[in-house]
C-alpha atoms as a PDB file:
ATOM      1  CA  MET A   1      14.260 -15.170  -5.364  1.00  0.00           C
ATOM      2  CA  ALA A   2      10.213 -14.883  -6.134  1.00  0.00           C
ATOM      3  CA  ILE A   3       8.208 -12.798  -4.043  1.00  0.00           C
ATOM      4  CA  ALA A   4       4.845 -13.355  -3.739  1.00  0.00           C
ATOM      5  CA  SER A   5       2.303 -10.492  -2.472  1.00  0.00           C
ATOM      6  CA  THR A   6       1.106 -10.314   1.115  1.00  0.00           C
ATOM      7  CA  SER A   7      -2.402 -11.048   1.043  1.00  0.00           C
ATOM      8  CA  TYR A   8      -5.329 -10.909  -0.969  1.00  0.00           C
ATOM      9  CA  LEU A   9      -8.309  -8.242  -1.914  1.00  0.00           C
ATOM     10  CA  PRO A  10     -11.264 -10.403   0.363  1.00  0.00           C
ATOM     11  CA  VAL A  11     -14.140  -8.023  -0.182  1.00  0.00           C
ATOM     12  CA  TYR A  12     -13.922 -10.184  -3.596  1.00  0.00           C
ATOM     13  CA  LEU A  13     -11.717 -12.410  -3.979  1.00  0.00           C
ATOM     14  CA  GLY A  14     -10.916 -14.212  -0.972  1.00  0.00           C
ATOM     15  CA  THR A  15      -7.206 -15.781  -2.556  1.00  0.00           C
ATOM     16  CA  GLN A  16      -4.189 -13.642  -3.021  1.00  0.00           C
ATOM     17  CA  PRO A  17      -1.942 -12.118  -6.255  1.00  0.00           C
ATOM     18  CA  HIS A  18       1.699 -14.298  -6.650  1.00  0.00           C
ATOM     19  CA  SER A  19       4.122 -12.114  -7.816  1.00  0.00           C
ATOM     20  CA  HIS A  20       7.687 -12.737  -8.778  1.00  0.00           C
ATOM     21  CA  HIS A  21      10.939 -10.930  -7.294  1.00  0.00           C
ATOM     22  CA  ASN A  22      12.439  -9.427  -4.335  1.00  0.00           C
ATOM     23  CA  LEU A  23      11.106  -7.263  -3.073  1.00  0.00           C
ATOM     24  CA  TYR A  24       6.125   5.450  15.072  1.00  0.00           C
ATOM     25  CA  HIS A  25       5.728   8.131  15.851  1.00  0.00           C
ATOM     26  CA  ILE A  26       3.875  11.044  13.207  1.00  0.00           C
ATOM     27  CA  PRO A  27       5.951  13.694  11.998  1.00  0.00           C
ATOM     28  CA  HIS A  28       5.103  17.376  12.666  1.00  0.00           C
ATOM     29  CA  PHE A  29       2.429  18.087   9.888  1.00  0.00           C
ATOM     30  CA  ARG A  30       2.426  22.131   9.255  1.00  0.00           C
ATOM     31  CA  THR A  31      -1.424  22.516   9.354  1.00  0.00           C
ATOM     32  CA  HIS A  32      -3.547  23.429   7.073  1.00  0.00           C
ATOM     33  CA  GLN A  33      -5.403  27.416   7.982  1.00  0.00           C
ATOM     34  CA  ASN A  34      -7.693  27.010   5.320  1.00  0.00           C
ATOM     35  CA  PRO A  35     -10.975  25.007   5.700  1.00  0.00           C
ATOM     36  CA  ILE A  36     -10.404  23.439   1.803  1.00  0.00           C
ATOM     37  CA  PHE A  37     -13.376  21.387  -0.620  1.00  0.00           C
ATOM     38  CA  THR A  38     -13.787  18.276  -2.768  1.00  0.00           C
ATOM     39  CA  PRO A  39     -16.905  17.240  -4.698  1.00  0.00           C
ATOM     40  CA  LYS A  40     -18.961  15.177  -2.488  1.00  0.00           C
ATOM     41  CA  ARG A  41     -18.749  11.177  -4.160  1.00  0.00           C
ATOM     42  CA  THR A  42     -20.272   8.109  -2.850  1.00  0.00           C
ATOM     43  CA  HIS A  43     -19.992   8.098   0.926  1.00  0.00           C
ATOM     44  CA  PRO A  44     -22.477  10.282   3.055  1.00  0.00           C
ATOM     45  CA  PHE A  45     -21.779  13.015   4.723  1.00  0.00           C
ATOM     46  CA  VAL A  46     -19.599  12.059   8.268  1.00  0.00           C
ATOM     47  CA  VAL A  47     -20.901  13.379  11.394  1.00  0.00           C
ATOM     48  CA  PHE A  48     -17.901  13.959  14.335  1.00  0.00           C
ATOM     49  CA  PRO A  49     -18.704  14.744  17.371  1.00  0.00           C
ATOM     50  CA  LYS A  50     -18.950  19.066  18.947  1.00  0.00           C
ATOM     51  CA  HIS A  51     -15.536  20.489  19.176  1.00  0.00           C
ATOM     52  CA  THR A  52     -13.794  18.582  16.256  1.00  0.00           C
ATOM     53  CA  ALA A  53     -12.226  20.311  13.815  1.00  0.00           C
ATOM     54  CA  PHE A  54     -12.653  19.040  10.228  1.00  0.00           C
ATOM     55  CA  ASN A  55     -12.122  20.427   6.709  1.00  0.00           C
ATOM     56  CA  LEU A  56     -13.199  19.293   3.322  1.00  0.00           C
ATOM     57  CA  ILE A  57     -11.180  18.113   1.121  1.00  0.00           C
ATOM     58  CA  PHE A  58      -9.585  19.738  -1.828  1.00  0.00           C
ATOM     59  CA  PRO A  59      -7.475  18.421  -4.895  1.00  0.00           C
ATOM     60  CA  LEU A  60      -3.810  18.459  -3.909  1.00  0.00           C
ATOM     61  CA  SER A  61      -0.551  19.443  -5.916  1.00  0.00           C
ATOM     62  CA  THR A  62       1.717  16.638  -7.360  1.00  0.00           C
ATOM     63  CA  SER A  63       4.543  18.545  -7.660  1.00  0.00           C
ATOM     64  CA  GLN A  64       6.085  17.972  -3.681  1.00  0.00           C
ATOM     65  CA  SER A  65       9.535  16.125  -3.253  1.00  0.00           C
ATOM     66  CA  SER A  66      10.234  12.697  -0.465  1.00  0.00           C
ATOM     67  CA  PHE A  67       9.052  14.062   2.927  1.00  0.00           C
ATOM     68  CA  SER A  68       8.415  17.764   2.545  1.00  0.00           C
ATOM     69  CA  SER A  69       6.524  19.386   5.192  1.00  0.00           C
ATOM     70  CA  THR A  70       5.414  22.336   3.603  1.00  0.00           C
ATOM     71  CA  SER A  71       1.703  22.764   2.849  1.00  0.00           C
ATOM     72  CA  SER A  72       0.779  21.497  -0.331  1.00  0.00           C
ATOM     73  CA  THR A  73      -0.832  24.601  -2.469  1.00  0.00           C
ATOM     74  CA  PRO A  74      -4.717  23.445  -3.383  1.00  0.00           C
ATOM     75  CA  THR A  75      -5.290  22.778  -7.428  1.00  0.00           C
ATOM     76  CA  LEU A  76      -7.721  21.179  -9.556  1.00  0.00           C
ATOM     77  CA  GLN A  77      -5.166  18.764 -11.106  1.00  0.00           C
ATOM     78  CA  ASN A  78      -4.933  15.137  -9.869  1.00  0.00           C
ATOM     79  CA  ALA A  79      -7.686  15.302  -6.790  1.00  0.00           C
ATOM     80  CA  LEU A  80      -7.161  13.456  -3.904  1.00  0.00           C
ATOM     81  CA  GLN A  81     -10.967  12.719  -3.286  1.00  0.00           C
ATOM     82  CA  THR A  82     -12.309  11.044  -0.632  1.00  0.00           C
ATOM     83  CA  GLY A  83     -16.042  11.923  -0.574  1.00  0.00           C
ATOM     84  CA  ARG A  84     -16.257  12.718   2.724  1.00  0.00           C
ATOM     85  CA  PHE A  85     -15.055  15.399   5.527  1.00  0.00           C
ATOM     86  CA  LEU A  86     -11.971  15.131   6.959  1.00  0.00           C
ATOM     87  CA  THR A  87     -10.441  16.036  10.011  1.00  0.00           C
ATOM     88  CA  ASN A  88      -7.424  18.772  10.110  1.00  0.00           C
ATOM     89  CA  GLU A  89      -5.930  15.384  10.953  1.00  0.00           C
ATOM     90  CA  GLU A  90      -6.599  13.586   8.974  1.00  0.00           C
ATOM     91  CA  LEU A  91      -5.371  15.884   6.033  1.00  0.00           C
ATOM     92  CA  GLU A  92      -2.588  16.562   7.238  1.00  0.00           C
ATOM     93  CA  LYS A  93      -1.880  12.773   7.060  1.00  0.00           C
ATOM     94  CA  LEU A  94      -3.398  12.563   3.537  1.00  0.00           C
ATOM     95  CA  GLN A  95      -1.017  15.761   2.333  1.00  0.00           C
ATOM     96  CA  PHE A  96       2.037  13.873   3.562  1.00  0.00           C
ATOM     97  CA  LEU A  97       1.165  10.731   1.816  1.00  0.00           C
ATOM     98  CA  GLU A  98       0.761  12.549  -1.521  1.00  0.00           C
ATOM     99  CA  SER A  99       3.939  14.470  -1.116  1.00  0.00           C
ATOM    100  CA  TYR A 100       5.641  10.548  -0.020  1.00  0.00           C
ATOM    101  CA  ARG A 101       8.339   9.909  -2.897  1.00  0.00           C
ATOM    102  CA  TYR A 102      10.842   6.332  -2.547  1.00  0.00           C
ATOM    103  CA  PHE A 103      13.373   6.300  -4.694  1.00  0.00           C
ATOM    104  CA  GLN A 104      15.892   3.496  -5.475  1.00  0.00           C
ATOM    105  CA  GLU A 105      18.912   3.005  -8.347  1.00  0.00           C
ATOM    106  CA  LEU A 106      19.043  -0.596  -9.234  1.00  0.00           C
ATOM    107  CA  LYS A 107      21.800  -3.076 -10.564  1.00  0.00           C
ATOM    108  CA  SER A 108      19.282  -2.965 -13.359  1.00  0.00           C
ATOM    109  CA  GLY A 109      17.859   0.274 -13.814  1.00  0.00           C
ATOM    110  CA  PHE A 110      15.933   2.817 -11.177  1.00  0.00           C
ATOM    111  CA  LEU A 111      12.304   2.403  -8.837  1.00  0.00           C
ATOM    112  CA  TYR A 112      10.749   4.728  -8.553  1.00  0.00           C
ATOM    113  CA  ILE A 113       7.643   4.699  -5.804  1.00  0.00           C
ATOM    114  CA  ARG A 114       5.019   6.952  -4.217  1.00  0.00           C
ATOM    115  CA  MET A 115       0.989   6.689  -3.674  1.00  0.00           C
ATOM    116  CA  MET A 116      -1.142   5.336  -6.802  1.00  0.00           C
ATOM    117  CA  ASP A 117      -2.790   8.915  -8.871  1.00  0.00           C
ATOM    118  CA  GLN A 118      -6.547   8.319  -9.806  1.00  0.00           C
ATOM    119  CA  GLU A 119      -5.789   8.418 -13.618  1.00  0.00           C
ATOM    120  CA  GLU A 120      -3.060   4.821 -12.938  1.00  0.00           C
ATOM    121  CA  MET A 121      -5.966   3.241 -11.770  1.00  0.00           C
ATOM    122  CA  ASP A 122      -7.024   1.145 -14.609  1.00  0.00           C
ATOM    123  CA  MET A 123      -3.163   0.379 -15.131  1.00  0.00           C
ATOM    124  CA  THR A 124      -3.237  -1.033 -11.228  1.00  0.00           C
ATOM    125  CA  VAL A 125      -6.482  -2.977 -11.712  1.00  0.00           C
ATOM    126  CA  SER A 126      -4.465  -5.028 -14.551  1.00  0.00           C
ATOM    127  CA  LEU A 127      -1.539  -5.352 -13.053  1.00  0.00           C
ATOM    128  CA  LEU A 128      -3.512  -7.053  -9.902  1.00  0.00           C
ATOM    129  CA  SER A 129      -5.733  -8.665 -12.122  1.00  0.00           C
ATOM    130  CA  GLU A 130      -3.503 -10.780 -14.008  1.00  0.00           C
ATOM    131  CA  THR A 131      -1.598 -11.626 -11.021  1.00  0.00           C
ATOM    132  CA  PHE A 132      -4.841 -12.845  -9.316  1.00  0.00           C
ATOM    133  CA  ALA A 133      -5.328 -14.756 -12.349  1.00  0.00           C
ATOM    134  CA  GLU A 134      -1.846 -16.341 -12.342  1.00  0.00           C
ATOM    135  CA  SER A 135      -1.974 -16.769  -8.382  1.00  0.00           C
ATOM    136  CA  MET A 136      -5.592 -18.743  -8.663  1.00  0.00           C
ATOM    137  CA  LEU A 137      -5.236 -20.580 -12.046  1.00  0.00           C
ATOM    138  CA  LEU A 138      -7.456 -19.270 -14.095  1.00  0.00           C
ATOM    139  CA  PRO A 139      -7.939 -19.049 -17.927  1.00  0.00           C
ATOM    140  CA  LYS A 140      -6.514 -15.234 -19.479  1.00  0.00           C
ATOM    141  CA  GLY A 141     -10.047 -15.538 -20.411  1.00  0.00           C
ATOM    142  CA  TYR A 142     -11.531 -14.393 -16.167  1.00  0.00           C
ATOM    143  CA  VAL A 143      -9.010 -11.144 -16.430  1.00  0.00           C
ATOM    144  CA  ARG A 144     -11.685  -8.973 -17.761  1.00  0.00           C
ATOM    145  CA  PHE A 145     -13.850  -9.982 -14.775  1.00  0.00           C
ATOM    146  CA  LEU A 146     -11.337  -9.694 -12.110  1.00  0.00           C
ATOM    147  CA  GLU A 147     -10.497  -6.068 -13.744  1.00  0.00           C
ATOM    148  CA  TYR A 148     -14.428  -5.004 -13.053  1.00  0.00           C
ATOM    149  CA  LEU A 149     -14.411  -7.022  -9.375  1.00  0.00           C
ATOM    150  CA  VAL A 150     -10.494  -5.152  -8.447  1.00  0.00           C
ATOM    151  CA  LYS A 151     -11.912  -1.484  -9.308  1.00  0.00           C
ATOM    152  CA  GLN A 152     -14.510  -1.900  -7.568  1.00  0.00           C
ATOM    153  CA  TYR A 153     -12.480  -2.725  -4.537  1.00  0.00           C
ATOM    154  CA  LEU A 154      -9.144   0.115  -5.556  1.00  0.00           C
ATOM    155  CA  ILE A 155     -12.012   2.452  -5.556  1.00  0.00           C
ATOM    156  CA  GLU A 156     -13.740   1.557  -2.154  1.00  0.00           C
ATOM    157  CA  ARG A 157     -10.080   1.509  -0.774  1.00  0.00           C
ATOM    158  CA  ARG A 158      -9.830   4.999  -2.638  1.00  0.00           C
ATOM    159  CA  THR A 159     -12.014   7.288   0.082  1.00  0.00           C
ATOM    160  CA  LEU A 160     -10.852   5.555   2.951  1.00  0.00           C
ATOM    161  CA  MET A 161      -7.594   7.322   2.747  1.00  0.00           C
ATOM    162  CA  PRO A 162      -5.589   8.582   4.667  1.00  0.00           C
ATOM    163  CA  HIS A 163      -5.891   4.939   6.411  1.00  0.00           C
ATOM    164  CA  THR A 164      -4.925   3.455   3.725  1.00  0.00           C
ATOM    165  CA  ALA A 165      -3.287   4.281   0.581  1.00  0.00           C
ATOM    166  CA  THR A 166      -2.362   1.717  -2.288  1.00  0.00           C
ATOM    167  CA  LEU A 167       1.614   2.330  -3.632  1.00  0.00           C
ATOM    168  CA  VAL A 168       2.981   2.127  -6.893  1.00  0.00           C
ATOM    169  CA  GLY A 169       6.238   1.714  -8.595  1.00  0.00           C
ATOM    170  CA  PHE A 170       7.794   2.443 -10.980  1.00  0.00           C
ATOM    171  CA  TYR A 171      10.861   1.445 -13.054  1.00  0.00           C
ATOM    172  CA  LYS A 172      13.030   2.049 -16.150  1.00  0.00           C
ATOM    173  CA  GLU A 173      16.732   0.712 -17.097  1.00  0.00           C
ATOM    174  CA  ASP A 174      18.469   3.734 -18.359  1.00  0.00           C
ATOM    175  CA  GLU A 175      17.876   7.265 -18.488  1.00  0.00           C
ATOM    176  CA  GLU A 176      16.423   7.533 -21.818  1.00  0.00           C
ATOM    177  CA  GLU A 177      13.984   4.612 -21.357  1.00  0.00           C
ATOM    178  CA  ASP A 178      10.322   5.769 -19.993  1.00  0.00           C
ATOM    179  CA  LEU A 179       8.746   4.947 -16.658  1.00  0.00           C
ATOM    180  CA  GLN A 180       6.699   1.778 -17.018  1.00  0.00           C
ATOM    181  CA  LEU A 181       4.394   0.057 -14.176  1.00  0.00           C
ATOM    182  CA  ALA A 182       6.464  -2.419 -12.297  1.00  0.00           C
ATOM    183  CA  GLY A 183       4.189  -3.254  -8.849  1.00  0.00           C
ATOM    184  CA  THR A 184       2.391  -2.280  -6.378  1.00  0.00           C
ATOM    185  CA  VAL A 185       1.532  -3.088  -2.977  1.00  0.00           C
ATOM    186  CA  GLU A 186      -1.170  -1.889  -0.039  1.00  0.00           C
ATOM    187  CA  VAL A 187      -0.725  -0.530   3.090  1.00  0.00           C
ATOM    188  CA  CYS A 188      -3.371  -0.365   6.039  1.00  0.00           C
ATOM    189  CA  PHE A 189      -2.528   1.557   8.988  1.00  0.00           C
ATOM    190  CA  ASN A 190      -5.207   1.541  11.352  1.00  0.00           C
ATOM    191  CA  LYS A 191      -8.233   0.228  11.993  1.00  0.00           C
ATOM    192  CA  LYS A 192     -10.547   2.691  10.199  1.00  0.00           C
ATOM    193  CA  GLY A 193      -8.697   1.498   6.763  1.00  0.00           C
ATOM    194  CA  ALA A 194      -8.713  -2.203   7.368  1.00  0.00           C
ATOM    195  CA  ASN A 195     -10.630  -4.756   5.672  1.00  0.00           C
ATOM    196  CA  ALA A 196     -14.993  -5.886   7.247  1.00  0.00           C
ATOM    197  CA  SER A 197     -13.382  -9.394   5.279  1.00  0.00           C
ATOM    198  CA  PRO A 198      -9.829  -9.890   6.426  1.00  0.00           C
ATOM    199  CA  PRO A 199      -8.013 -13.076   5.426  1.00  0.00           C
ATOM    200  CA  THR A 200      -6.769 -15.609   7.903  1.00  0.00           C
ATOM    201  CA  PRO A 201      -5.322 -15.630  10.545  1.00  0.00           C
ATOM    202  CA  THR A 202      -6.462 -12.328  10.897  1.00  0.00           C
ATOM    203  CA  ALA A 203      -4.024  -9.840  11.972  1.00  0.00           C
ATOM    204  CA  PRO A 204      -5.133  -7.061  14.611  1.00  0.00           C
ATOM    205  CA  LYS A 205      -7.156  -4.360  13.540  1.00  0.00           C
ATOM    206  CA  ASN A 206      -5.507  -1.502  14.244  1.00  0.00           C
ATOM    207  CA  SER A 207      -2.237  -2.255  13.694  1.00  0.00           C
ATOM    208  CA  PRO A 208      -0.209  -1.830  10.050  1.00  0.00           C
ATOM    209  CA  TYR A 209      -1.136  -4.285   7.667  1.00  0.00           C
ATOM    210  CA  ILE A 210       0.816  -4.965   4.517  1.00  0.00           C
ATOM    211  CA  SER A 211      -0.997  -6.983   1.601  1.00  0.00           C
ATOM    212  CA  ASN A 212      -1.809  -6.479  -2.408  1.00  0.00           C
ATOM    213  CA  MET A 213       2.085  -6.648  -3.140  1.00  0.00           C
ATOM    214  CA  THR A 214       2.546  -7.889  -6.628  1.00  0.00           C
ATOM    215  CA  VAL A 215       5.692  -7.315  -9.659  1.00  0.00           C
ATOM    216  CA  LYS A 216       4.970  -7.278 -13.177  1.00  0.00           C
ATOM    217  CA  GLU A 217       6.091 -10.306 -14.274  1.00  0.00           C
ATOM    218  CA  SER A 218       8.888  -9.506 -17.011  1.00  0.00           C
ATOM    219  CA  LEU A 219      10.300  -7.496 -14.076  1.00  0.00           C
ATOM    220  CA  ARG A 220      10.361  -9.830 -11.509  1.00  0.00           C
ATOM    221  CA  ARG A 221      13.923 -11.206  -9.716  1.00  0.00           C
ATOM    222  CA  ARG A 222      15.372  -7.325  -9.898  1.00  0.00           C
ATOM    223  CA  GLY A 223      14.810  -6.131  -6.036  1.00  0.00           C
ATOM    224  CA  ILE A 224      11.341  -4.368  -6.991  1.00  0.00           C
ATOM    225  CA  GLY A 225       9.017  -6.147  -4.754  1.00  0.00           C
ATOM    226  CA  TRP A 226      11.756  -6.062  -1.606  1.00  0.00           C
ATOM    227  CA  HIS A 227      11.780  -1.765  -2.438  1.00  0.00           C
ATOM    228  CA  LEU A 228       8.291  -2.030  -2.751  1.00  0.00           C
ATOM    229  CA  LEU A 229       8.608  -4.361   1.120  1.00  0.00           C
ATOM    230  CA  LYS A 230      10.385  -1.191   2.368  1.00  0.00           C
ATOM    231  CA  ALA A 231       8.671   1.782   1.562  1.00  0.00           C
ATOM    232  CA  SER A 232       5.622   0.143   2.998  1.00  0.00           C
ATOM    233  CA  GLU A 233       7.273   0.440   5.469  1.00  0.00           C
ATOM    234  CA  GLU A 234       9.299   3.117   5.492  1.00  0.00           C
ATOM    235  CA  LEU A 235       5.854   5.065   5.041  1.00  0.00           C
ATOM    236  CA  ILE A 236       4.059   2.750   7.974  1.00  0.00           C
ATOM    237  CA  ALA A 237       6.774   4.831  10.716  1.00  0.00           C
ATOM    238  CA  HIS A 238       5.674   8.128   8.818  1.00  0.00           C
ATOM    239  CA  MET A 239       1.871   7.107   9.578  1.00  0.00           C
ATOM    240  CA  THR A 240       0.799   5.505  12.930  1.00  0.00           C
ATOM    241  CA  SER A 241       3.045   4.827  16.264  1.00  0.00           C
ATOM    242  CA  SER A 242       2.328   1.933  15.970  1.00  0.00           C
ATOM    243  CA  ARG A 243       4.878  -1.104  16.297  1.00  0.00           C
ATOM    244  CA  ASP A 244       3.932  -4.453  15.347  1.00  0.00           C
ATOM    245  CA  VAL A 245       3.775  -4.655  11.264  1.00  0.00           C
ATOM    246  CA  TYR A 246       1.575  -7.572  10.273  1.00  0.00           C
ATOM    247  CA  LEU A 247       1.307  -9.391   6.703  1.00  0.00           C
ATOM    248  CA  HIS A 248       0.294 -13.061   5.471  1.00  0.00           C
ATOM    249  CA  CYS A 249       2.092 -15.719   3.089  1.00  0.00           C
ATOM    250  CA  ARG A 250       0.472 -18.544   1.518  1.00  0.00           C
ATOM    251  CA  MET A 251       2.634 -21.729   2.785  1.00  0.00           C
ATOM    252  CA  ILE A 252       3.411 -22.916  -0.353  1.00  0.00           C
ATOM    253  CA  ASP A 253       5.397 -19.746  -1.496  1.00  0.00           C
ATOM    254  CA  GLU A 254       9.015 -20.645  -0.578  1.00  0.00           C
ATOM    255  CA  ALA A 255      10.552 -17.779  -1.941  1.00  0.00           C
ATOM    256  CA  PRO A 256       8.574 -15.060  -0.256  1.00  0.00           C
ATOM    257  CA  LEU A 257       8.747 -16.803   2.559  1.00  0.00           C
ATOM    258  CA  ASN A 258      12.088 -16.866   2.723  1.00  0.00           C
ATOM    259  CA  MET A 259      12.584 -12.687   1.520  1.00  0.00           C
ATOM    260  CA  TYR A 260       9.616 -11.451   4.637  1.00  0.00           C
ATOM    261  CA  THR A 261      12.103 -13.700   6.723  1.00  0.00           C
ATOM    262  CA  LYS A 262      15.142 -12.634   5.792  1.00  0.00           C
ATOM    263  CA  ALA A 263      13.659  -8.865   6.376  1.00  0.00           C
ATOM    264  CA  GLY A 264      12.322  -9.679   9.799  1.00  0.00           C
ATOM    265  CA  TYR A 265       9.479 -10.821   9.887  1.00  0.00           C
ATOM    266  CA  SER A 266       8.495 -13.972  11.918  1.00  0.00           C
ATOM    267  CA  ILE A 267       5.676 -16.146  11.549  1.00  0.00           C
ATOM    268  CA  VAL A 268       3.092 -16.003  14.383  1.00  0.00           C
ATOM    269  CA  ARG A 269       0.310 -17.641  13.308  1.00  0.00           C
ATOM    270  CA  THR A 270      -0.488 -20.072  10.475  1.00  0.00           C
ATOM    271  CA  ASP A 271      -4.105 -21.238   8.949  1.00  0.00           C
ATOM    272  CA  THR A 272      -4.964 -24.772   9.789  1.00  0.00           C
ATOM    273  CA  ILE A 273      -5.680 -27.455   7.582  1.00  0.00           C
ATOM    274  CA  LEU A 274      -9.545 -26.908   7.758  1.00  0.00           C
ATOM    275  CA  VAL A 275      -8.797 -23.662   5.580  1.00  0.00           C
ATOM    276  CA  LEU A 276      -8.955 -25.766   2.944  1.00  0.00           C
ATOM    277  CA  LEU A 277     -12.727 -26.835   2.434  1.00  0.00           C
ATOM    278  CA  THR A 278     -13.454 -22.915   1.834  1.00  0.00           C
ATOM    279  CA  LEU A 279     -10.729 -23.636  -1.402  1.00  0.00           C
ATOM    280  CA  GLN A 280      -7.726 -20.928  -0.060  1.00  0.00           C
ATOM    281  CA  ARG A 281      -4.842 -22.000   0.460  1.00  0.00           C
ATOM    282  CA  ARG A 282      -3.383 -21.845   3.899  1.00  0.00           C
ATOM    283  CA  LYS A 283      -1.519 -19.118   4.519  1.00  0.00           C
ATOM    284  CA  HIS A 284       1.129 -17.855   7.155  1.00  0.00           C
ATOM    285  CA  LEU A 285      -0.111 -14.455   9.416  1.00  0.00           C
ATOM    286  CA  MET A 286       4.022 -12.924   9.947  1.00  0.00           C
ATOM    287  CA  CYS A 287       5.005 -10.268  11.478  1.00  0.00           C
ATOM    288  CA  LYS A 288       7.311  -7.575  12.001  1.00  0.00           C
ATOM    289  CA  GLN A 289       8.397  -4.876  14.785  1.00  0.00           C
ATOM    290  CA  ILE A 290       9.397  -1.613  13.249  1.00  0.00           C
ATOM    291  CA  PRO A 291      12.102   1.123  14.652  1.00  0.00           C
ATOM    292  CA  VAL A 292      10.288   4.273  16.193  1.00  0.00           C
ATOM    293  CA  LEU A 293      12.223   7.275  14.101  1.00  0.00           C
ATOM    294  CA  THR A 294      12.662  10.555  15.751  1.00  0.00           C
ATOM    295  CA  SER A 295      13.845  12.640  12.595  1.00  0.00           C
ATOM    296  CA  PRO A 296      13.882  12.043   8.882  1.00  0.00           C
ATOM    297  CA  SER A 297      17.421  11.809   8.482  1.00  0.00           C
ATOM    298  CA  GLU A 298      16.973   9.189  10.248  1.00  0.00           C
ATOM    299  CA  MET A 299      14.472   7.720   8.133  1.00  0.00           C
ATOM    300  CA  ASP A 300      17.133   7.971   5.232  1.00  0.00           C
ATOM    301  CA  THR A 301      19.467   6.039   7.255  1.00  0.00           C
ATOM    302  CA  TYR A 302      16.789   2.707   7.818  1.00  0.00           C
ATOM    303  CA  SER A 303      15.527   2.801   4.469  1.00  0.00           C
ATOM    304  CA  GLN A 304      18.771   2.400   2.508  1.00  0.00           C
ATOM    305  CA  GLU A 305      20.190  -0.287   4.791  1.00  0.00           C
ATOM    306  CA  PRO A 306      19.991  -3.867   3.549  1.00  0.00           C
ATOM    307  CA  TYR A 307      18.045  -6.695   5.020  1.00  0.00           C
ATOM    308  CA  SER A 308      20.242  -9.258   6.546  1.00  0.00           C
END
């Protein structure tokens, strides 16, 4: 089954990548006791209302296992930099994002999904850019230009964590083979992480939104896209109390539409024919209500159940 990305990078490109295969409660986080700090980068300081607790962000460890409830030990490696002050709640969510892991054994190999690290940005940019060029029928000479735009987009999105996150999936066929980047997907949890220029039909800004899903061309039709979708839903279930999850699918992408329908999504709105005047493909806005999860064990069961 083919799978297309659920949306696009609307700030820069105005179209969606096309890729293949198949594809609320917030848990109790442990509160960090000490203020944490990271160097300021590109955004001005955020002024919080009086009596609002906040921390400065500090580099976090990447050694935790899936859904670990223990706080990360601050290190100077693999920093999750946002360039702004974080409230205690935001910091705890960021630590949870950093510790999130999703493992799946496929018929053809093994899949490992987690949040994108800073050093993995360039390879993720390359994958997205190649997929955009394919979707937009652009010559390969335009990929380098797309890479510049996509990288600026990902850098900007990274500053909005923990209100949004980019997940990456790594795949290998056997134990002796090295992991390779297989796919990526972006998850927005609330309106603070929403794009300033969302695609049409517009999803509610305060609802979780899945977008920019793509799978490496040589690894399509292995179930990778399906599990990127499942991992996104699993993460949303832990990060927000909102039950309604939205995504977009182009009308011409029949196989992805079938996959999303199988996963429980239904069409709520569709672009009018007038959108063709903007040189964009018509899209469906789709929505699914995910279940309320009350414990990590319940999430384990949910993540293993096949969609039907």
